[in-house]
Amino acid sequence: GKGYVVTIHDHGRGMKQEDTHNIGAYNQFDREFYEHQGLGL
């Protein structure tokens, strides 16, 4: 009833709760622990 709903679920390392609210340009979460190779876009 809402439309076409696409759900993508992985069982990976996940994100901290506070990071899920801070998605934005150039944000790379836990960069000190993980090498992301990019601008976080």
All heavy atoms as atom14 arrays in JSON, in Angstrom:
{
  "sequence": "GKGYVVTIHDHGRGMKQEDTHNIGAYNQFDREFYEHQGLGL",
  "atom14_mask": [
    [1, 1, 1, 1, 0, 0, 0, 0, 0, 0, 0, 0, 0, 0],
    [1, 1, 1, 1, 1, 1, 1, 1, 1, 0, 0, 0, 0, 0],
    [1, 1, 1, 1, 0, 0, 0, 0, 0, 0, 0, 0, 0, 0],
    [1, 1, 1, 1, 1, 1, 1, 1, 1, 1, 1, 1, 0, 0],
    [1, 1, 1, 1, 1, 1, 1, 0, 0, 0, 0, 0, 0, 0],
    [1, 1, 1, 1, 1, 1, 1, 0, 0, 0, 0, 0, 0, 0],
    [1, 1, 1, 1, 1, 1, 1, 0, 0, 0, 0, 0, 0, 0],
    [1, 1, 1, 1, 1, 1, 1, 1, 0, 0, 0, 0, 0, 0],
    [1, 1, 1, 1, 1, 1, 1, 1, 1, 1, 0, 0, 0, 0],
    [1, 1, 1, 1, 1, 1, 1, 1, 0, 0, 0, 0, 0, 0],
    [1, 1, 1, 1, 1, 1, 1, 1, 1, 1, 0, 0, 0, 0],
    [1, 1, 1, 1, 0, 0, 0, 0, 0, 0, 0, 0, 0, 0],
    [1, 1, 1, 1, 1, 1, 1, 1, 1, 1, 1, 0, 0, 0],
    [1, 1, 1, 1, 0, 0, 0, 0, 0, 0, 0, 0, 0, 0],
    [1, 1, 1, 1, 1, 1, 1, 1, 0, 0, 0, 0, 0, 0],
    [1, 1, 1, 1, 1, 1, 1, 1, 1, 0, 0, 0, 0, 0],
    [1, 1, 1, 1, 1, 1, 1, 1, 1, 0, 0, 0, 0, 0],
    [1, 1, 1, 1, 1, 1, 1, 1, 1, 0, 0, 0, 0, 0],
    [1, 1, 1, 1, 1, 1, 1, 1, 0, 0, 0, 0, 0, 0],
    [1, 1, 1, 1, 1, 1, 1, 0, 0, 0, 0, 0, 0, 0],
    [1, 1, 1, 1, 1, 1, 1, 1, 1, 1, 0, 0, 0, 0],
    [1, 1, 1, 1, 1, 1, 1, 1, 0, 0, 0, 0, 0, 0],
    [1, 1, 1, 1, 1, 1, 1, 1, 0, 0, 0, 0, 0, 0],
    [1, 1, 1, 1, 0, 0, 0, 0, 0, 0, 0, 0, 0, 0],
    [1, 1, 1, 1, 1, 0, 0, 0, 0, 0, 0, 0, 0, 0],
    [1, 1, 1, 1, 1, 1, 1, 1, 1, 1, 1, 1, 0, 0],
    [1, 1, 1, 1, 1, 1, 1, 1, 0, 0, 0, 0, 0, 0],
    [1, 1, 1, 1, 1, 1, 1, 1, 1, 0, 0, 0, 0, 0],
    [1, 1, 1, 1, 1, 1, 1, 1, 1, 1, 1, 0, 0, 0],
    [1, 1, 1, 1, 1, 1, 1, 1, 0, 0, 0, 0, 0, 0],
    [1, 1, 1, 1, 1, 1, 1, 1, 1, 1, 1, 0, 0, 0],
    [1, 1, 1, 1, 1, 1, 1, 1, 1, 0, 0, 0, 0, 0],
    [1, 1, 1, 1, 1, 1, 1, 1, 1, 1, 1, 0, 0, 0],
    [1, 1, 1, 1, 1, 1, 1, 1, 1, 1, 1, 1, 0, 0],
    [1, 1, 1, 1, 1, 1, 1, 1, 1, 0, 0, 0, 0, 0],
    [1, 1, 1, 1, 1, 1, 1, 1, 1, 1, 0, 0, 0, 0],
    [1, 1, 1, 1, 1, 1, 1, 1, 1, 0, 0, 0, 0, 0],
    [1, 1, 1, 1, 0, 0, 0, 0, 0, 0, 0, 0, 0, 0],
    [1, 1, 1, 1, 1, 1, 1, 1, 0, 0, 0, 0, 0, 0],
    [1, 1, 1, 1, 0, 0, 0, 0, 0, 0, 0, 0, 0, 0],
    [1, 1, 1, 1, 1, 1, 1, 1, 0, 0, 0, 0, 0, 0]
  ],
  "atom14_positions": [
    [[0.79, -1.22, 0.0], [0.0, 0.0, 0.0], [0.82, 1.27, 0.0], [0.33, 2.35, -0.36], [0.0, 0.0, 0.0], [0.0, 0.0, 0.0], [0.0, 0.0, 0.0], [0.0, 0.0, 0.0], [0.0, 0.0, 0.0], [0.0, 0.0, 0.0], [0.0, 0.0, 0.0], [0.0, 0.0, 0.0], [0.0, 0.0, 0.0], [0.0, 0.0, 0.0]],
    [[2.09, 1.18, 0.41], [2.96, 2.35, 0.45], [3.63, 2.63, -0.88], [4.12, 3.73, -1.12], [4.04, 2.15, 1.52], [3.5, 2.0, 2.94], [4.63, 1.77, 3.92], [4.11, 1.61, 5.34], [5.21, 1.36, 6.3], [0.0, 0.0, 0.0], [0.0, 0.0, 0.0], [0.0, 0.0, 0.0], [0.0, 0.0, 0.0], [0.0, 0.0, 0.0]],
    [[3.7, 1.62, -1.75], [4.39, 1.77, -3.02], [5.23, 0.54, -3.31], [4.84, -0.58, -2.98], [0.0, 0.0, 0.0], [0.0, 0.0, 0.0], [0.0, 0.0, 0.0], [0.0, 0.0, 0.0], [0.0, 0.0, 0.0], [0.0, 0.0, 0.0], [0.0, 0.0, 0.0], [0.0, 0.0, 0.0], [0.0, 0.0, 0.0], [0.0, 0.0, 0.0]],
    [[6.38, 0.75, -3.93], [7.31, -0.34, -4.25], [8.43, -0.3, -3.22], [9.22, 0.65, -3.18], [7.86, -0.15, -5.65], [8.6, -1.34, -6.22], [7.96, -2.55, -6.46], [9.95, -1.24, -6.56], [8.63, -3.62, -7.02], [10.63, -2.31, -7.12], [9.97, -3.5, -7.35], [10.63, -4.56, -7.9], [0.0, 0.0, 0.0], [0.0, 0.0, 0.0]],
    [[8.49, -1.3, -2.36], [9.41, -1.29, -1.23], [10.58, -2.25, -1.51], [10.37, -3.44, -1.69], [8.69, -1.69, 0.07], [9.67, -1.64, 1.25], [7.51, -0.77, 0.33], [0.0, 0.0, 0.0], [0.0, 0.0, 0.0], [0.0, 0.0, 0.0], [0.0, 0.0, 0.0], [0.0, 0.0, 0.0], [0.0, 0.0, 0.0], [0.0, 0.0, 0.0]],
    [[11.77, -1.67, -1.54], [13.0, -2.45, -1.77], [13.78, -2.5, -0.47], [14.11, -1.46, 0.11], [13.86, -1.82, -2.88], [15.12, -2.67, -3.12], [13.06, -1.67, -4.17], [0.0, 0.0, 0.0], [0.0, 0.0, 0.0], [0.0, 0.0, 0.0], [0.0, 0.0, 0.0], [0.0, 0.0, 0.0], [0.0, 0.0, 0.0], [0.0, 0.0, 0.0]],
    [[14.08, -3.7, -0.01], [14.83, -3.88, 1.24], [16.14, -4.59, 0.94], [16.15, -5.65, 0.31], [14.02, -4.71, 2.25], [12.76, -4.08, 2.46], [14.75, -4.8, 3.58], [0.0, 0.0, 0.0], [0.0, 0.0, 0.0], [0.0, 0.0, 0.0], [0.0, 0.0, 0.0], [0.0, 0.0, 0.0], [0.0, 0.0, 0.0], [0.0, 0.0, 0.0]],
    [[17.23, -4.0, 1.39], [18.57, -4.59, 1.19], [19.17, -4.82, 2.57], [19.41, -3.87, 3.33], [19.46, -3.65, 0.35], [18.81, -3.41, -1.02], [20.86, -4.24, 0.2], [19.36, -2.22, -1.76], [0.0, 0.0, 0.0], [0.0, 0.0, 0.0], [0.0, 0.0, 0.0], [0.0, 0.0, 0.0], [0.0, 0.0, 0.0], [0.0, 0.0, 0.0]],
    [[19.41, -6.08, 2.91], [19.87, -6.43, 4.26], [21.16, -7.23, 4.18], [21.27, -8.19, 3.42], [18.81, -7.25, 4.99], [19.23, -7.72, 6.34], [19.43, -6.86, 7.4], [19.52, -8.96, 6.8], [19.81, -7.55, 8.45], [19.88, -8.82, 8.13], [0.0, 0.0, 0.0], [0.0, 0.0, 0.0], [0.0, 0.0, 0.0], [0.0, 0.0, 0.0]],
    [[22.14, -6.8, 4.96], [23.38, -7.57, 5.05], [23.63, -7.96, 6.5], [23.01, -7.44, 7.43], [24.57, -6.78, 4.49], [24.95, -5.57, 5.34], [25.39, -5.76, 6.5], [24.81, -4.43, 4.87], [0.0, 0.0, 0.0], [0.0, 0.0, 0.0], [0.0, 0.0, 0.0], [0.0, 0.0, 0.0], [0.0, 0.0, 0.0], [0.0, 0.0, 0.0]],
    [[24.55, -8.91, 6.68], [24.92, -9.39, 8.01], [26.36, -8.98, 8.3], [27.14, -9.76, 8.87], [24.76, -10.91, 8.09], [23.35, -11.37, 7.83], [22.43, -11.55, 8.84], [22.7, -11.65, 6.68], [21.28, -11.94, 8.32], [21.4, -12.01, 7.01], [0.0, 0.0, 0.0], [0.0, 0.0, 0.0], [0.0, 0.0, 0.0], [0.0, 0.0, 0.0]],
    [[26.7, -7.75, 7.91], [28.07, -7.28, 8.04], [28.37, -6.6, 9.35], [27.7, -6.84, 10.37], [0.0, 0.0, 0.0], [0.0, 0.0, 0.0], [0.0, 0.0, 0.0], [0.0, 0.0, 0.0], [0.0, 0.0, 0.0], [0.0, 0.0, 0.0], [0.0, 0.0, 0.0], [0.0, 0.0, 0.0], [0.0, 0.0, 0.0], [0.0, 0.0, 0.0]],
    [[29.35, -5.72, 9.32], [29.85, -5.13, 10.56], [28.9, -4.11, 11.16], [28.97, -3.78, 12.33], [31.21, -4.49, 10.32], [31.17, -3.21, 9.53], [32.47, -2.46, 9.78], [32.29, -1.04, 9.54], [32.83, -0.4, 8.54], [33.56, -1.04, 7.66], [32.64, 0.89, 8.4], [0.0, 0.0, 0.0], [0.0, 0.0, 0.0], [0.0, 0.0, 0.0]],
    [[27.98, -3.57, 10.36], [27.0, -2.63, 10.87], [27.58, -1.28, 11.22], [28.75, -0.98, 10.98], [0.0, 0.0, 0.0], [0.0, 0.0, 0.0], [0.0, 0.0, 0.0], [0.0, 0.0, 0.0], [0.0, 0.0, 0.0], [0.0, 0.0, 0.0], [0.0, 0.0, 0.0], [0.0, 0.0, 0.0], [0.0, 0.0, 0.0], [0.0, 0.0, 0.0]],
    [[26.73, -0.43, 11.8], [27.11, 0.93, 12.18], [26.63, 1.22, 13.59], [25.65, 0.64, 14.04], [26.48, 1.94, 11.2], [26.9, 1.79, 9.77], [25.78, 2.66, 8.62], [25.95, 4.33, 9.19], [0.0, 0.0, 0.0], [0.0, 0.0, 0.0], [0.0, 0.0, 0.0], [0.0, 0.0, 0.0], [0.0, 0.0, 0.0], [0.0, 0.0, 0.0]],
    [[27.32, 2.14, 14.23], [26.87, 2.59, 15.55], [25.56, 3.36, 15.41], [25.33, 3.99, 14.39], [27.94, 3.46, 16.21], [29.18, 2.68, 16.61], [30.21, 3.56, 17.29], [30.85, 4.51, 16.31], [32.0, 5.25, 16.9], [0.0, 0.0, 0.0], [0.0, 0.0, 0.0], [0.0, 0.0, 0.0], [0.0, 0.0, 0.0], [0.0, 0.0, 0.0]],
    [[24.72, 3.31, 16.43], [23.4, 3.92, 16.36], [23.48, 5.4, 16.0], [22.71, 5.9, 15.18], [22.68, 3.75, 17.71], [21.21, 4.15, 17.68], [20.38, 3.27, 16.76], [20.62, 2.07, 16.67], [19.41, 3.85, 16.06], [0.0, 0.0, 0.0], [0.0, 0.0, 0.0], [0.0, 0.0, 0.0], [0.0, 0.0, 0.0], [0.0, 0.0, 0.0]],
    [[24.43, 6.11, 16.6], [24.52, 7.55, 16.33], [24.92, 7.83, 14.89], [24.55, 8.87, 14.32], [25.51, 8.22, 17.29], [26.93, 7.67, 17.26], [27.17, 6.59, 18.3], [26.2, 5.88, 18.65], [28.31, 6.47, 18.75], [0.0, 0.0, 0.0], [0.0, 0.0, 0.0], [0.0, 0.0, 0.0], [0.0, 0.0, 0.0], [0.0, 0.0, 0.0]],
    [[25.66, 6.91, 14.27], [26.09, 7.13, 12.89], [24.94, 7.0, 11.9], [24.98, 7.6, 10.83], [27.21, 6.14, 12.52], [28.52, 6.47, 13.19], [28.69, 7.64, 13.6], [29.37, 5.58, 13.32], [0.0, 0.0, 0.0], [0.0, 0.0, 0.0], [0.0, 0.0, 0.0], [0.0, 0.0, 0.0], [0.0, 0.0, 0.0], [0.0, 0.0, 0.0]],
    [[23.93, 6.21, 12.23], [22.81, 6.03, 11.29], [22.02, 7.32, 11.12], [21.29, 7.47, 10.13], [21.86, 4.92, 11.77], [21.26, 5.3, 13.01], [22.6, 3.59, 11.93], [0.0, 0.0, 0.0], [0.0, 0.0, 0.0], [0.0, 0.0, 0.0], [0.0, 0.0, 0.0], [0.0, 0.0, 0.0], [0.0, 0.0, 0.0], [0.0, 0.0, 0.0]],
    [[22.17, 8.25, 12.05], [21.46, 9.53, 11.96], [22.32, 10.63, 11.35], [21.88, 11.76, 11.22], [20.99, 9.99, 13.35], [20.11, 8.99, 14.04], [18.85, 8.65, 13.57], [20.31, 8.25, 15.15], [18.31, 7.76, 14.37], [19.17, 7.49, 15.34], [0.0, 0.0, 0.0], [0.0, 0.0, 0.0], [0.0, 0.0, 0.0], [0.0, 0.0, 0.0]],
    [[23.55, 10.28, 10.98], [24.49, 11.29, 10.49], [24.98, 11.0, 9.08], [26.11, 11.34, 8.73], [25.7, 11.37, 11.44], [25.32, 11.89, 12.8], [24.55, 12.83, 12.92], [25.85, 11.26, 13.84], [0.0, 0.0, 0.0], [0.0, 0.0, 0.0], [0.0, 0.0, 0.0], [0.0, 0.0, 0.0], [0.0, 0.0, 0.0], [0.0, 0.0, 0.0]],
    [[24.13, 10.37, 8.28], [24.52, 10.1, 6.89], [24.56, 11.42, 6.14], [23.57, 12.14, 6.08], [23.54, 9.14, 6.21], [23.56, 7.79, 6.91], [23.87, 8.96, 4.74], [22.48, 6.84, 6.44], [0.0, 0.0, 0.0], [0.0, 0.0, 0.0], [0.0, 0.0, 0.0], [0.0, 0.0, 0.0], [0.0, 0.0, 0.0], [0.0, 0.0, 0.0]],
    [[25.7, 11.73, 5.56], [25.82, 12.97, 4.81], [27.05, 12.94, 3.94], [27.87, 12.02, 4.0], [0.0, 0.0, 0.0], [0.0, 0.0, 0.0], [0.0, 0.0, 0.0], [0.0, 0.0, 0.0], [0.0, 0.0, 0.0], [0.0, 0.0, 0.0], [0.0, 0.0, 0.0], [0.0, 0.0, 0.0], [0.0, 0.0, 0.0], [0.0, 0.0, 0.0]],
    [[27.21, 13.95, 3.13], [28.36, 14.01, 2.23], [29.65, 14.02, 3.04], [29.77, 14.72, 4.04], [28.27, 15.26, 1.36], [0.0, 0.0, 0.0], [0.0, 0.0, 0.0], [0.0, 0.0, 0.0], [0.0, 0.0, 0.0], [0.0, 0.0, 0.0], [0.0, 0.0, 0.0], [0.0, 0.0, 0.0], [0.0, 0.0, 0.0], [0.0, 0.0, 0.0]],
    [[30.61, 13.23, 2.59], [31.97, 13.16, 3.14], [32.05, 12.48, 4.5], [33.11, 12.46, 5.12], [32.61, 14.56, 3.22], [32.37, 15.38, 1.99], [31.68, 16.58, 2.06], [32.79, 14.93, 0.74], [31.43, 17.33, 0.92], [32.55, 15.67, -0.4], [31.87, 16.86, -0.31], [31.62, 17.59, -1.43], [0.0, 0.0, 0.0], [0.0, 0.0, 0.0]],
    [[30.96, 11.92, 5.0], [31.01, 11.19, 6.27], [31.49, 9.77, 6.01], [30.89, 9.03, 5.24], [29.63, 11.13, 6.94], [29.25, 12.43, 7.61], [30.05, 13.34, 7.68], [28.02, 12.52, 8.08], [0.0, 0.0, 0.0], [0.0, 0.0, 0.0], [0.0, 0.0, 0.0], [0.0, 0.0, 0.0], [0.0, 0.0, 0.0], [0.0, 0.0, 0.0]],
    [[32.55, 9.38, 6.72], [33.04, 8.01, 6.67], [33.13, 7.52, 8.1], [33.89, 8.03, 8.9], [34.42, 7.95, 5.99], [34.36, 8.3, 4.52], [35.7, 8.1, 3.86], [36.74, 8.39, 4.44], [35.69, 7.59, 2.66], [0.0, 0.0, 0.0], [0.0, 0.0, 0.0], [0.0, 0.0, 0.0], [0.0, 0.0, 0.0], [0.0, 0.0, 0.0]],
    [[32.33, 6.5, 8.4], [32.19, 6.08, 9.77], [33.31, 5.14, 10.2], [33.72, 4.25, 9.47], [30.83, 5.39, 9.96], [29.7, 6.25, 9.43], [28.98, 5.84, 8.32], [29.41, 7.47, 10.01], [27.96, 6.63, 7.82], [28.39, 8.26, 9.53], [27.67, 7.85, 8.42], [0.0, 0.0, 0.0], [0.0, 0.0, 0.0], [0.0, 0.0, 0.0]],
    [[33.83, 5.37, 11.43], [34.92, 4.54, 11.97], [36.11, 4.51, 11.05], [36.74, 3.47, 10.85], [34.42, 3.11, 12.24], [33.39, 3.07, 13.35], [33.5, 3.89, 14.28], [32.49, 2.22, 13.28], [0.0, 0.0, 0.0], [0.0, 0.0, 0.0], [0.0, 0.0, 0.0], [0.0, 0.0, 0.0], [0.0, 0.0, 0.0], [0.0, 0.0, 0.0]],
    [[36.48, 5.65, 10.48], [37.6, 5.71, 9.56], [38.91, 5.25, 10.22], [39.8, 4.73, 9.58], [37.76, 7.14, 9.01], [38.87, 7.31, 7.98], [38.59, 6.49, 6.72], [39.71, 6.51, 5.8], [39.7, 7.18, 4.64], [38.65, 7.87, 4.28], [40.74, 7.14, 3.84], [0.0, 0.0, 0.0], [0.0, 0.0, 0.0], [0.0, 0.0, 0.0]],
    [[39.0, 5.48, 11.58], [40.23, 5.09, 12.26], [40.41, 3.58, 12.3], [41.5, 3.08, 12.51], [40.25, 5.68, 13.69], [39.18, 5.14, 14.62], [37.9, 5.97, 14.55], [37.63, 6.56, 13.5], [37.17, 6.01, 15.56], [0.0, 0.0, 0.0], [0.0, 0.0, 0.0], [0.0, 0.0, 0.0], [0.0, 0.0, 0.0], [0.0, 0.0, 0.0]],
    [[39.32, 2.83, 12.1], [39.41, 1.37, 12.15], [39.29, 0.72, 10.78], [39.76, -0.38, 10.57], [38.32, 0.81, 13.06], [38.43, 1.29, 14.47], [37.49, 2.17, 14.99], [39.48, 0.88, 15.28], [37.6, 2.62, 16.3], [39.58, 1.33, 16.59], [38.64, 2.21, 17.1], [0.0, 0.0, 0.0], [0.0, 0.0, 0.0], [0.0, 0.0, 0.0]],
    [[38.62, 1.4, 9.84], [38.36, 0.81, 8.54], [38.76, 1.77, 7.43], [38.42, 2.95, 7.48], [36.86, 0.48, 8.37], [36.33, -0.45, 9.44], [35.63, 0.06, 10.52], [36.52, -1.83, 9.35], [35.14, -0.79, 11.5], [36.03, -2.68, 10.32], [35.33, -2.15, 11.39], [34.84, -3.0, 12.35], [0.0, 0.0, 0.0], [0.0, 0.0, 0.0]],
    [[39.47, 1.27, 6.44], [39.86, 2.09, 5.3], [38.78, 2.03, 4.25], [38.53, 1.0, 3.64], [41.18, 1.56, 4.71], [41.69, 2.38, 3.54], [41.91, 3.83, 3.9], [42.38, 4.12, 5.0], [41.58, 4.69, 3.06], [0.0, 0.0, 0.0], [0.0, 0.0, 0.0], [0.0, 0.0, 0.0], [0.0, 0.0, 0.0], [0.0, 0.0, 0.0]],
    [[38.1, 3.13, 4.02], [36.94, 3.14, 3.13], [37.29, 3.43, 1.67], [36.57, 3.07, 0.78], [35.93, 4.19, 3.6], [35.2, 3.77, 4.84], [33.92, 4.19, 5.12], [35.56, 2.97, 5.87], [33.53, 3.69, 6.27], [34.5, 2.96, 6.74], [0.0, 0.0, 0.0], [0.0, 0.0, 0.0], [0.0, 0.0, 0.0], [0.0, 0.0, 0.0]],
    [[38.37, 4.16, 1.43], [38.77, 4.49, 0.07], [37.68, 5.28, -0.66], [37.07, 4.81, -1.6], [39.11, 3.22, -0.72], [40.26, 2.42, -0.18], [41.59, 3.14, -0.31], [41.67, 4.18, -0.93], [42.62, 2.59, 0.27], [0.0, 0.0, 0.0], [0.0, 0.0, 0.0], [0.0, 0.0, 0.0], [0.0, 0.0, 0.0], [0.0, 0.0, 0.0]],
    [[37.44, 6.48, -0.25], [36.46, 7.3, -0.94], [36.1, 8.52, -0.11], [36.67, 8.78, 0.93], [0.0, 0.0, 0.0], [0.0, 0.0, 0.0], [0.0, 0.0, 0.0], [0.0, 0.0, 0.0], [0.0, 0.0, 0.0], [0.0, 0.0, 0.0], [0.0, 0.0, 0.0], [0.0, 0.0, 0.0], [0.0, 0.0, 0.0], [0.0, 0.0, 0.0]],
    [[35.14, 9.29, -0.6], [34.73, 10.5, 0.1], [33.49, 10.3, 0.94], [33.0, 11.23, 1.55], [34.48, 11.61, -0.93], [35.7, 12.1, -1.71], [35.27, 13.14, -2.73], [36.73, 12.69, -0.77], [0.0, 0.0, 0.0], [0.0, 0.0, 0.0], [0.0, 0.0, 0.0], [0.0, 0.0, 0.0], [0.0, 0.0, 0.0], [0.0, 0.0, 0.0]],
    [[32.94, 9.08, 0.98], [31.76, 8.85, 1.77], [30.49, 9.38, 1.15], [29.56, 9.79, 1.84], [0.0, 0.0, 0.0], [0.0, 0.0, 0.0], [0.0, 0.0, 0.0], [0.0, 0.0, 0.0], [0.0, 0.0, 0.0], [0.0, 0.0, 0.0], [0.0, 0.0, 0.0], [0.0, 0.0, 0.0], [0.0, 0.0, 0.0], [0.0, 0.0, 0.0]],
    [[30.43, 9.4, -0.18], [29.29, 9.99, -0.88], [28.21, 8.98, -1.27], [27.09, 9.38, -1.6], [29.77, 10.69, -2.16], [30.57, 11.98, -1.95], [31.18, 12.43, -3.28], [29.7, 13.07, -1.39], [0.0, 0.0, 0.0], [0.0, 0.0, 0.0], [0.0, 0.0, 0.0], [0.0, 0.0, 0.0], [0.0, 0.0, 0.0], [0.0, 0.0, 0.0]]
  ]
}
